[in-house]
Amino acid sequence: MNLDFRKGNGLIPVIVQNDTTLQVLMLGYMDEAAYEKTITEKKVTFFSRSKNRLWTKGEESGNFLFVKDIKIDCDRDTILIQATPNGPTCHTGSTTCFKDETAKGFVYELQDVIATKIDTDDAESYTNSLYKRGINKVAQKVGEEAVELVIEAKDDNIDLFKSEAADLLYHYLILLKAKNVSLESIEAVLKERAK
């Protein structure tokens, strides 16, 4: 589908979204050259209205936005880019240019951290060492954490309960990785059940 750059006097608004959490990171503008550079280099490049030139996000900070998917809206005059951020997106150091620092989506980031520790065979990582012990040990650890959570649920210490819940979730994510199953696929099952 061809983009219609005429409507915006040569510029098209571009919404950039975290490809994992779907959190909106920023809004920028592209001209045809910025769009072509983004496609070619797989790094988000805008036309900077203030600098009056092409500007690759992260060219100074190193906080690039690596393109995972590009969608064009039905009118062909807006772009949605799903990207993997390499650090904070906003020049202020914030995750997004909208100051949205909520924990929403953090579990997906944690899933990626777990995968990285395992995929890079991080020798100093507890996560990787547990994973390397095999599926039985990982599953056993999830069972132990589940029992500990049940025990804490019967008591009145909410801080201990939350701590055990976090331990269970963390080990559950390791188990998903060991089974080569993503959290997104589990979410899809839940969404299907909710219909």
Protein backbone atom coordinates (compact mmCIF):
# COMPACT_ATOMS: atom_id res chain seq x y z
CA MET A 1 0.00 0.00 0.00
CA ASN A 2 1.48 3.36 -1.05
CA LEU A 3 1.68 6.11 1.55
CA ASP A 4 -0.01 9.43 0.83
CA PHE A 5 2.58 12.05 1.76
CA ARG A 6 0.57 14.82 0.06
CA LYS A 7 -2.02 15.18 2.82
CA GLY A 8 0.53 16.37 5.37
CA ASN A 9 2.61 18.53 3.03
CA GLY A 10 5.18 15.76 2.65
CA LEU A 11 5.10 14.53 6.25
CA ILE A 12 3.24 11.60 7.80
CA PRO A 13 2.71 11.12 11.55
CA VAL A 14 4.37 8.00 12.95
CA ILE A 15 3.35 6.33 16.19
CA VAL A 16 6.05 4.12 17.70
CA GLN A 17 4.98 1.30 19.99
CA ASN A 18 7.04 -1.16 22.04
CA ASP A 19 6.74 -4.44 20.13
CA THR A 20 6.60 -6.49 23.33
CA THR A 21 4.46 -4.45 25.71
CA LEU A 22 2.53 -2.49 23.03
CA GLN A 23 3.20 0.64 25.09
CA VAL A 24 3.16 3.80 22.96
CA LEU A 25 6.68 5.24 23.07
CA MET A 26 6.56 8.37 20.96
CA LEU A 27 5.16 10.25 17.98
CA GLY A 28 7.28 11.64 15.18
CA TYR A 29 7.03 12.50 11.48
CA MET A 30 8.49 10.94 8.37
CA ASP A 31 8.98 12.17 4.87
CA GLU A 32 9.61 9.70 2.06
CA ALA A 33 13.37 9.66 2.65
CA ALA A 34 12.96 8.95 6.38
CA TYR A 35 10.52 6.16 5.58
CA GLU A 36 12.91 4.57 3.06
CA LYS A 37 15.84 4.82 5.50
CA THR A 38 13.74 3.23 8.24
CA ILE A 39 12.81 0.35 5.93
CA THR A 40 16.40 -0.15 4.77
CA GLU A 41 18.24 0.18 8.10
CA LYS A 42 15.54 -1.27 10.38
CA LYS A 43 16.06 1.66 12.78
CA VAL A 44 13.35 4.29 13.15
CA THR A 45 14.33 7.48 11.34
CA PHE A 46 12.21 10.63 11.39
CA PHE A 47 12.23 13.92 9.59
CA SER A 48 13.04 16.37 12.37
CA ARG A 49 10.96 19.50 11.95
CA SER A 50 13.18 21.45 14.37
CA LYS A 51 16.49 20.33 12.79
CA ASN A 52 15.02 20.31 9.27
CA ARG A 53 16.80 17.04 8.42
CA LEU A 54 16.58 13.27 8.77
CA TRP A 55 17.11 12.15 12.34
CA THR A 56 17.58 8.53 13.40
CA LYS A 57 16.24 8.07 16.91
CA GLY A 58 19.24 7.22 19.06
CA GLU A 59 21.89 8.67 16.76
CA GLU A 60 23.34 10.62 19.71
CA SER A 61 22.17 8.63 22.75
CA GLY A 62 22.48 5.11 21.33
CA ASN A 63 18.84 4.52 22.31
CA PHE A 64 17.77 3.27 18.90
CA LEU A 65 14.32 1.94 18.07
CA PHE A 66 14.78 -1.31 16.14
CA VAL A 67 11.89 -1.94 13.75
CA LYS A 68 9.94 -5.17 14.15
CA ASP A 69 6.78 -4.35 12.18
CA ILE A 70 5.29 -1.47 10.20
CA LYS A 71 1.58 -0.93 9.67
CA ILE A 72 -0.11 1.69 7.51
CA ASP A 73 -3.59 2.96 8.41
CA CYS A 74 -6.59 2.65 6.09
CA ASP A 75 -6.19 6.22 4.74
CA ARG A 76 -2.50 5.61 4.00
CA ASP A 77 -1.51 8.76 5.91
CA THR A 78 -0.39 7.43 9.31
CA ILE A 79 2.23 4.83 10.23
CA LEU A 80 2.34 2.54 13.26
CA ILE A 81 5.79 1.10 13.95
CA GLN A 82 6.31 -1.65 16.48
CA ALA A 83 9.91 -1.49 17.63
CA THR A 84 12.30 -2.82 20.24
CA PRO A 85 13.74 0.12 22.20
CA ASN A 86 17.42 0.04 23.11
CA GLY A 87 17.07 2.05 26.32
CA PRO A 88 14.72 4.88 27.23
CA THR A 89 12.88 6.48 24.34
CA CYS A 90 12.49 10.02 25.66
CA HIS A 91 15.42 12.46 25.77
CA THR A 92 14.50 13.03 29.44
CA GLY A 93 15.44 9.43 30.25
CA SER A 94 11.81 8.33 30.50
CA THR A 95 10.63 5.06 28.97
CA THR A 96 8.18 6.96 26.79
CA CYS A 97 7.71 10.54 25.69
CA PHE A 98 4.36 10.41 27.51
CA LYS A 99 5.91 9.82 30.96
CA ASP A 100 4.19 6.42 31.22
CA GLU A 101 6.46 4.54 33.63
CA THR A 102 3.82 2.11 34.84
CA ALA A 103 4.58 -1.55 35.44
CA LYS A 104 2.15 -2.41 32.65
CA GLY A 105 4.05 -4.67 30.34
CA PHE A 106 6.91 -5.28 32.78
CA VAL A 107 6.15 -9.01 32.91
CA TYR A 108 6.81 -9.15 29.16
CA GLU A 109 10.10 -7.32 29.66
CA LEU A 110 10.97 -9.82 32.39
CA GLN A 111 10.17 -12.65 30.00
CA ASP A 112 12.72 -11.14 27.59
CA VAL A 113 15.35 -10.79 30.34
CA ILE A 114 14.87 -14.46 31.28
CA ALA A 115 15.20 -15.49 27.64
CA THR A 116 18.39 -13.44 27.25
CA LYS A 117 20.00 -14.98 30.34
CA ILE A 118 19.22 -18.46 29.02
CA ASP A 119 19.95 -17.82 25.35
CA THR A 120 23.33 -16.23 26.13
CA ASP A 121 24.16 -19.00 28.63
CA ASP A 122 24.89 -16.43 31.34
CA ALA A 123 27.22 -18.34 33.68
CA GLU A 124 26.46 -16.07 36.67
CA SER A 125 22.69 -16.21 36.31
CA TYR A 126 20.50 -18.10 38.79
CA THR A 127 17.86 -18.24 36.06
CA ASN A 128 20.19 -19.91 33.60
CA SER A 129 21.59 -22.33 36.19
CA LEU A 130 18.07 -23.46 37.11
CA TYR A 131 17.15 -23.80 33.43
CA LYS A 132 20.23 -25.92 32.74
CA ARG A 133 19.19 -28.37 35.47
CA GLY A 134 16.35 -29.48 33.23
CA ILE A 135 12.58 -29.36 32.96
CA ASN A 136 11.99 -31.54 36.03
CA LYS A 137 13.93 -29.17 38.31
CA VAL A 138 12.24 -26.11 36.83
CA ALA A 139 8.78 -27.66 37.24
CA GLN A 140 9.64 -28.76 40.78
CA LYS A 141 10.68 -25.20 41.66
CA VAL A 142 7.37 -23.85 40.31
CA GLY A 143 5.56 -26.38 42.50
CA GLU A 144 7.56 -25.35 45.57
CA GLU A 145 6.84 -21.67 44.95
CA ALA A 146 3.13 -22.41 44.47
CA VAL A 147 3.00 -24.22 47.82
CA GLU A 148 4.81 -21.33 49.53
CA LEU A 149 2.28 -18.90 48.04
CA VAL A 150 -0.63 -20.99 49.31
CA ILE A 151 0.89 -21.05 52.80
CA GLU A 152 1.35 -17.27 52.80
CA ALA A 153 -2.21 -16.80 51.52
CA LYS A 154 -3.49 -18.37 54.76
CA ASP A 155 -1.58 -15.82 56.88
CA ASP A 156 -2.05 -12.08 57.25
CA ASN A 157 1.34 -10.78 56.08
CA ILE A 158 0.52 -9.19 52.73
CA ASP A 159 4.18 -8.33 52.03
CA LEU A 160 5.25 -11.97 52.33
CA PHE A 161 2.28 -12.99 50.19
CA LYS A 162 3.31 -10.54 47.45
CA SER A 163 6.91 -11.73 47.65
CA GLU A 164 5.88 -15.37 47.20
CA ALA A 165 3.53 -14.40 44.37
CA ALA A 166 6.45 -12.66 42.62
CA ASP A 167 8.66 -15.75 43.14
CA LEU A 168 5.97 -17.98 41.62
CA LEU A 169 5.49 -15.72 38.62
CA TYR A 170 9.24 -15.50 38.01
CA HIS A 171 9.70 -19.26 38.11
CA TYR A 172 6.58 -19.77 35.99
CA LEU A 173 8.20 -17.59 33.30
CA ILE A 174 11.32 -19.79 33.45
CA LEU A 175 9.09 -22.84 33.04
CA LEU A 176 7.42 -21.28 30.00
CA LYS A 177 10.86 -20.64 28.48
CA ALA A 178 11.88 -24.24 29.23
CA LYS A 179 8.78 -25.44 27.37
CA ASN A 180 9.40 -22.94 24.54
CA VAL A 181 6.03 -21.31 25.18
CA SER A 182 5.54 -17.55 25.29
CA LEU A 183 3.45 -15.60 27.75
CA GLU A 184 1.65 -14.14 24.73
CA SER A 185 0.47 -17.63 23.72
CA ILE A 186 -0.91 -18.22 27.23
CA GLU A 187 -2.62 -14.85 27.05
CA ALA A 188 -4.17 -15.91 23.73
CA VAL A 189 -5.65 -19.02 25.40
CA LEU A 190 -7.16 -16.86 28.14
CA LYS A 191 -8.58 -14.42 25.59
CA GLU A 192 -10.15 -17.31 23.68
CA ARG A 193 -11.70 -18.66 26.88
CA ALA A 194 -13.16 -15.24 27.66
CA LYS A 195 -15.23 -15.20 24.46
